[in-house]
Amino acid sequence: MALQKRYKIALETKLDQLWHQGFCVLERWELAAWFNKDRITNVVWREILENWQDIYDLKVDERPLNVIKCDSTSTPQTFVIIQLKRAKKMKDMAA
């Protein structure tokens, strides 16, 4: 199932945060509500990426995103999405 229409602005707000800050936090309950799903599947992540590319008129490979699962359980409760191009290696920051 696709993003529910009433949550489109909520997702766009998170993607604006991602664009301007380089990261955003998504909670499992948000994704479950927005997509009306019990499980957060590849379809959910694909639609988020498609919205990201559509909003900012990006090419498929432009500004790739990564997801950090904030706990190691089989059903993480918190996800951090980051813009890969804005990430720095710790050793480079310490030099």
N, C-alpha and C. Protein backbone atom coordinates (compact mmCIF):
# COMPACT_ATOMS: atom_id res chain seq x y z
N MET A 1 0.84 -1.19 0.00
CA MET A 1 0.00 0.00 0.00
C MET A 1 0.88 1.24 0.00
N ALA A 2 0.47 2.23 -0.71
CA ALA A 2 1.21 3.48 -0.84
C ALA A 2 1.01 4.38 0.38
N LEU A 3 1.80 5.42 0.42
CA LEU A 3 1.68 6.43 1.46
C LEU A 3 0.25 6.96 1.49
N GLN A 4 -0.33 6.98 2.69
CA GLN A 4 -1.68 7.51 2.81
C GLN A 4 -1.66 9.02 2.57
N LYS A 5 -2.60 9.51 1.81
CA LYS A 5 -2.63 10.90 1.39
C LYS A 5 -2.54 11.87 2.57
N ARG A 6 -3.18 11.56 3.66
CA ARG A 6 -3.20 12.49 4.79
C ARG A 6 -1.83 12.63 5.45
N TYR A 7 -0.88 11.73 5.15
CA TYR A 7 0.45 11.80 5.75
C TYR A 7 1.51 12.32 4.78
N LYS A 8 1.13 12.70 3.59
CA LYS A 8 2.09 13.16 2.60
C LYS A 8 2.89 14.36 3.12
N ILE A 9 2.23 15.31 3.75
CA ILE A 9 2.93 16.49 4.26
C ILE A 9 3.90 16.10 5.38
N ALA A 10 3.54 15.13 6.20
CA ALA A 10 4.43 14.68 7.28
C ALA A 10 5.72 14.10 6.70
N LEU A 11 5.58 13.27 5.66
CA LEU A 11 6.76 12.71 5.01
C LEU A 11 7.58 13.81 4.34
N GLU A 12 6.93 14.72 3.67
CA GLU A 12 7.64 15.81 3.00
C GLU A 12 8.40 16.67 4.01
N THR A 13 7.84 16.87 5.18
CA THR A 13 8.52 17.63 6.24
C THR A 13 9.79 16.92 6.68
N LYS A 14 9.71 15.61 6.85
CA LYS A 14 10.90 14.82 7.22
C LYS A 14 11.95 14.89 6.11
N LEU A 15 11.51 14.83 4.85
CA LEU A 15 12.45 14.90 3.74
C LEU A 15 13.07 16.29 3.62
N ASP A 16 12.32 17.33 3.97
CA ASP A 16 12.89 18.68 4.02
C ASP A 16 13.98 18.76 5.08
N GLN A 17 13.72 18.16 6.23
CA GLN A 17 14.73 18.11 7.29
C GLN A 17 15.98 17.38 6.79
N LEU A 18 15.78 16.26 6.12
CA LEU A 18 16.89 15.49 5.56
C LEU A 18 17.68 16.33 4.56
N TRP A 19 17.00 17.09 3.73
CA TRP A 19 17.66 17.92 2.72
C TRP A 19 18.51 19.01 3.39
N HIS A 20 17.94 19.68 4.38
CA HIS A 20 18.62 20.83 4.98
C HIS A 20 19.62 20.46 6.07
N GLN A 21 19.34 19.42 6.84
CA GLN A 21 20.22 19.04 7.93
C GLN A 21 21.14 17.88 7.59
N GLY A 22 20.80 17.13 6.55
CA GLY A 22 21.61 15.98 6.17
C GLY A 22 21.17 14.69 6.82
N PHE A 23 20.19 14.77 7.71
CA PHE A 23 19.66 13.57 8.37
C PHE A 23 18.25 13.84 8.85
N CYS A 24 17.53 12.76 9.12
CA CYS A 24 16.25 12.85 9.81
C CYS A 24 16.01 11.53 10.53
N VAL A 25 15.16 11.56 11.53
CA VAL A 25 14.83 10.38 12.31
C VAL A 25 13.39 9.98 11.99
N LEU A 26 13.22 8.71 11.68
CA LEU A 26 11.89 8.15 11.45
C LEU A 26 11.64 7.06 12.48
N GLU A 27 10.53 7.14 13.13
CA GLU A 27 10.14 6.12 14.11
C GLU A 27 9.28 5.07 13.42
N ARG A 28 9.36 3.86 13.91
CA ARG A 28 8.58 2.76 13.34
C ARG A 28 7.09 3.07 13.33
N TRP A 29 6.58 3.65 14.40
CA TRP A 29 5.16 3.94 14.47
C TRP A 29 4.74 4.93 13.39
N GLU A 30 5.63 5.90 13.06
CA GLU A 30 5.30 6.85 12.00
C GLU A 30 5.16 6.12 10.66
N LEU A 31 6.14 5.31 10.34
CA LEU A 31 6.10 4.59 9.06
C LEU A 31 4.90 3.65 9.00
N ALA A 32 4.62 2.97 10.11
CA ALA A 32 3.48 2.06 10.15
C ALA A 32 2.17 2.81 9.90
N ALA A 33 2.03 3.98 10.52
CA ALA A 33 0.82 4.79 10.33
C ALA A 33 0.76 5.37 8.93
N TRP A 34 1.85 5.94 8.46
CA TRP A 34 1.86 6.61 7.16
C TRP A 34 1.55 5.65 6.02
N PHE A 35 2.07 4.42 6.12
CA PHE A 35 1.91 3.46 5.04
C PHE A 35 0.87 2.39 5.35
N ASN A 36 0.23 2.48 6.52
CA ASN A 36 -0.80 1.55 6.94
C ASN A 36 -0.31 0.10 6.84
N LYS A 37 0.87 -0.14 7.43
CA LYS A 37 1.49 -1.46 7.40
C LYS A 37 1.97 -1.84 8.80
N ASP A 38 1.96 -3.12 9.07
CA ASP A 38 2.54 -3.61 10.31
C ASP A 38 4.04 -3.81 10.18
N ARG A 39 4.47 -4.20 8.97
CA ARG A 39 5.90 -4.44 8.71
C ARG A 39 6.44 -3.34 7.80
N ILE A 40 7.66 -2.91 8.10
CA ILE A 40 8.33 -1.91 7.27
C ILE A 40 9.15 -2.67 6.24
N THR A 41 8.64 -2.73 5.03
CA THR A 41 9.23 -3.55 3.97
C THR A 41 10.01 -2.69 2.97
N ASN A 42 10.62 -3.36 2.00
CA ASN A 42 11.34 -2.66 0.95
C ASN A 42 10.45 -1.68 0.19
N VAL A 43 9.18 -2.01 0.09
CA VAL A 43 8.24 -1.14 -0.62
C VAL A 43 8.16 0.23 0.05
N VAL A 44 8.17 0.25 1.36
CA VAL A 44 8.13 1.50 2.12
C VAL A 44 9.37 2.33 1.82
N TRP A 45 10.55 1.71 1.93
CA TRP A 45 11.81 2.43 1.69
C TRP A 45 11.89 2.91 0.25
N ARG A 46 11.42 2.11 -0.69
CA ARG A 46 11.43 2.50 -2.10
C ARG A 46 10.57 3.73 -2.32
N GLU A 47 9.40 3.76 -1.69
CA GLU A 47 8.51 4.91 -1.87
C GLU A 47 9.10 6.17 -1.23
N ILE A 48 9.75 6.02 -0.10
CA ILE A 48 10.41 7.17 0.53
C ILE A 48 11.48 7.72 -0.41
N LEU A 49 12.30 6.83 -0.97
CA LEU A 49 13.35 7.25 -1.90
C LEU A 49 12.75 7.92 -3.14
N GLU A 50 11.68 7.36 -3.67
CA GLU A 50 11.04 7.96 -4.84
C GLU A 50 10.50 9.35 -4.53
N ASN A 51 9.92 9.52 -3.35
CA ASN A 51 9.43 10.85 -2.95
C ASN A 51 10.60 11.82 -2.83
N TRP A 52 11.70 11.37 -2.25
CA TRP A 52 12.92 12.19 -2.11
C TRP A 52 13.39 12.66 -3.50
N GLN A 53 13.46 11.74 -4.44
CA GLN A 53 13.93 12.08 -5.77
C GLN A 53 12.95 13.00 -6.50
N ASP A 54 11.66 12.78 -6.31
CA ASP A 54 10.65 13.61 -6.97
C ASP A 54 10.63 15.03 -6.41
N ILE A 55 10.68 15.17 -5.10
CA ILE A 55 10.60 16.48 -4.47
C ILE A 55 11.76 17.36 -4.89
N TYR A 56 12.95 16.78 -4.92
CA TYR A 56 14.15 17.56 -5.21
C TYR A 56 14.64 17.38 -6.64
N ASP A 57 13.83 16.75 -7.48
CA ASP A 57 14.14 16.57 -8.90
C ASP A 57 15.56 16.03 -9.09
N LEU A 58 15.85 14.93 -8.39
CA LEU A 58 17.17 14.32 -8.42
C LEU A 58 17.21 13.12 -9.33
N LYS A 59 18.38 12.86 -9.87
CA LYS A 59 18.59 11.64 -10.64
C LYS A 59 18.70 10.49 -9.66
N VAL A 60 18.54 9.28 -10.16
CA VAL A 60 18.53 8.10 -9.29
C VAL A 60 19.78 8.00 -8.42
N ASP A 61 20.95 8.25 -8.98
CA ASP A 61 22.20 8.09 -8.23
C ASP A 61 22.63 9.35 -7.48
N GLU A 62 21.89 10.43 -7.64
CA GLU A 62 22.27 11.69 -7.03
C GLU A 62 21.88 11.72 -5.56
N ARG A 63 22.81 12.13 -4.72
CA ARG A 63 22.60 12.24 -3.28
C ARG A 63 22.00 10.97 -2.67
N PRO A 64 22.71 9.87 -2.75
CA PRO A 64 22.17 8.62 -2.19
C PRO A 64 21.96 8.73 -0.68
N LEU A 65 21.05 7.95 -0.20
CA LEU A 65 20.70 7.95 1.22
C LEU A 65 21.10 6.63 1.86
N ASN A 66 21.41 6.67 3.12
CA ASN A 66 21.65 5.47 3.92
C ASN A 66 20.71 5.48 5.11
N VAL A 67 20.41 4.29 5.60
CA VAL A 67 19.54 4.15 6.77
C VAL A 67 20.33 3.46 7.88
N ILE A 68 20.25 4.03 9.06
CA ILE A 68 20.84 3.42 10.25
C ILE A 68 19.69 2.87 11.08
N LYS A 69 19.73 1.57 11.36
CA LYS A 69 18.76 0.97 12.27
C LYS A 69 19.34 1.17 13.67
N CYS A 70 18.61 1.85 14.52
CA CYS A 70 19.16 2.28 15.81
C CYS A 70 19.13 1.22 16.90
N ASP A 71 18.65 0.05 16.60
CA ASP A 71 18.81 -1.08 17.51
C ASP A 71 18.93 -2.34 16.67
N SER A 72 19.47 -3.38 17.27
CA SER A 72 19.79 -4.58 16.50
C SER A 72 18.70 -5.65 16.54
N THR A 73 17.52 -5.27 16.95
CA THR A 73 16.42 -6.24 16.97
C THR A 73 15.92 -6.50 15.55
N SER A 74 15.09 -7.49 15.39
CA SER A 74 14.55 -7.79 14.06
C SER A 74 13.50 -6.76 13.64
N THR A 75 12.98 -5.98 14.60
CA THR A 75 12.03 -4.92 14.27
C THR A 75 12.49 -3.62 14.94
N PRO A 76 13.49 -2.95 14.35
CA PRO A 76 13.98 -1.70 14.94
C PRO A 76 12.86 -0.68 15.09
N GLN A 77 12.95 0.10 16.14
CA GLN A 77 11.92 1.10 16.43
C GLN A 77 12.28 2.48 15.89
N THR A 78 13.57 2.71 15.66
CA THR A 78 14.03 4.02 15.21
C THR A 78 15.00 3.87 14.06
N PHE A 79 14.85 4.72 13.07
CA PHE A 79 15.73 4.73 11.90
C PHE A 79 16.25 6.15 11.70
N VAL A 80 17.52 6.28 11.38
CA VAL A 80 18.09 7.57 11.01
C VAL A 80 18.47 7.48 9.54
N ILE A 81 17.95 8.40 8.75
CA ILE A 81 18.30 8.45 7.33
C ILE A 81 19.31 9.58 7.17
N ILE A 82 20.41 9.28 6.47
CA ILE A 82 21.44 10.30 6.25
C ILE A 82 21.74 10.43 4.76
N GLN A 83 22.17 11.62 4.39
CA GLN A 83 22.67 11.84 3.04
C GLN A 83 24.12 11.38 3.03
N LEU A 84 24.41 10.41 2.22
CA LEU A 84 25.74 9.81 2.19
C LEU A 84 26.83 10.82 1.85
N LYS A 85 26.56 11.74 0.94
CA LYS A 85 27.57 12.72 0.53
C LYS A 85 27.96 13.66 1.68
N ARG A 86 27.10 13.79 2.66
CA ARG A 86 27.40 14.71 3.77
C ARG A 86 28.05 14.01 4.94
N ALA A 87 28.15 12.69 4.89
CA ALA A 87 28.77 11.92 5.97
C ALA A 87 30.29 12.03 5.87
N LYS A 88 30.95 12.11 7.00
CA LYS A 88 32.41 12.17 7.07
C LYS A 88 32.92 11.02 7.92
N LYS A 89 34.10 10.55 7.61
CA LYS A 89 34.72 9.51 8.41
C LYS A 89 35.32 10.15 9.66
N MET A 90 35.20 9.49 10.78
CA MET A 90 35.70 10.03 12.04
C MET A 90 37.20 10.32 11.97
N LYS A 91 37.95 9.42 11.33
CA LYS A 91 39.40 9.61 11.26
C LYS A 91 39.76 10.87 10.47
N ASP A 92 38.94 11.22 9.47
CA ASP A 92 39.19 12.45 8.71
C ASP A 92 38.90 13.70 9.55
N MET A 93 37.94 13.59 10.44
CA MET A 93 37.59 14.72 11.31
C MET A 93 38.64 14.92 12.40
N ALA A 94 39.31 13.83 12.79
CA ALA A 94 40.29 13.88 13.88
C ALA A 94 41.68 14.27 13.40
N ALA A 95 41.86 14.32 12.09
CA ALA A 95 43.20 14.60 11.55
C ALA A 95 43.55 16.07 11.64
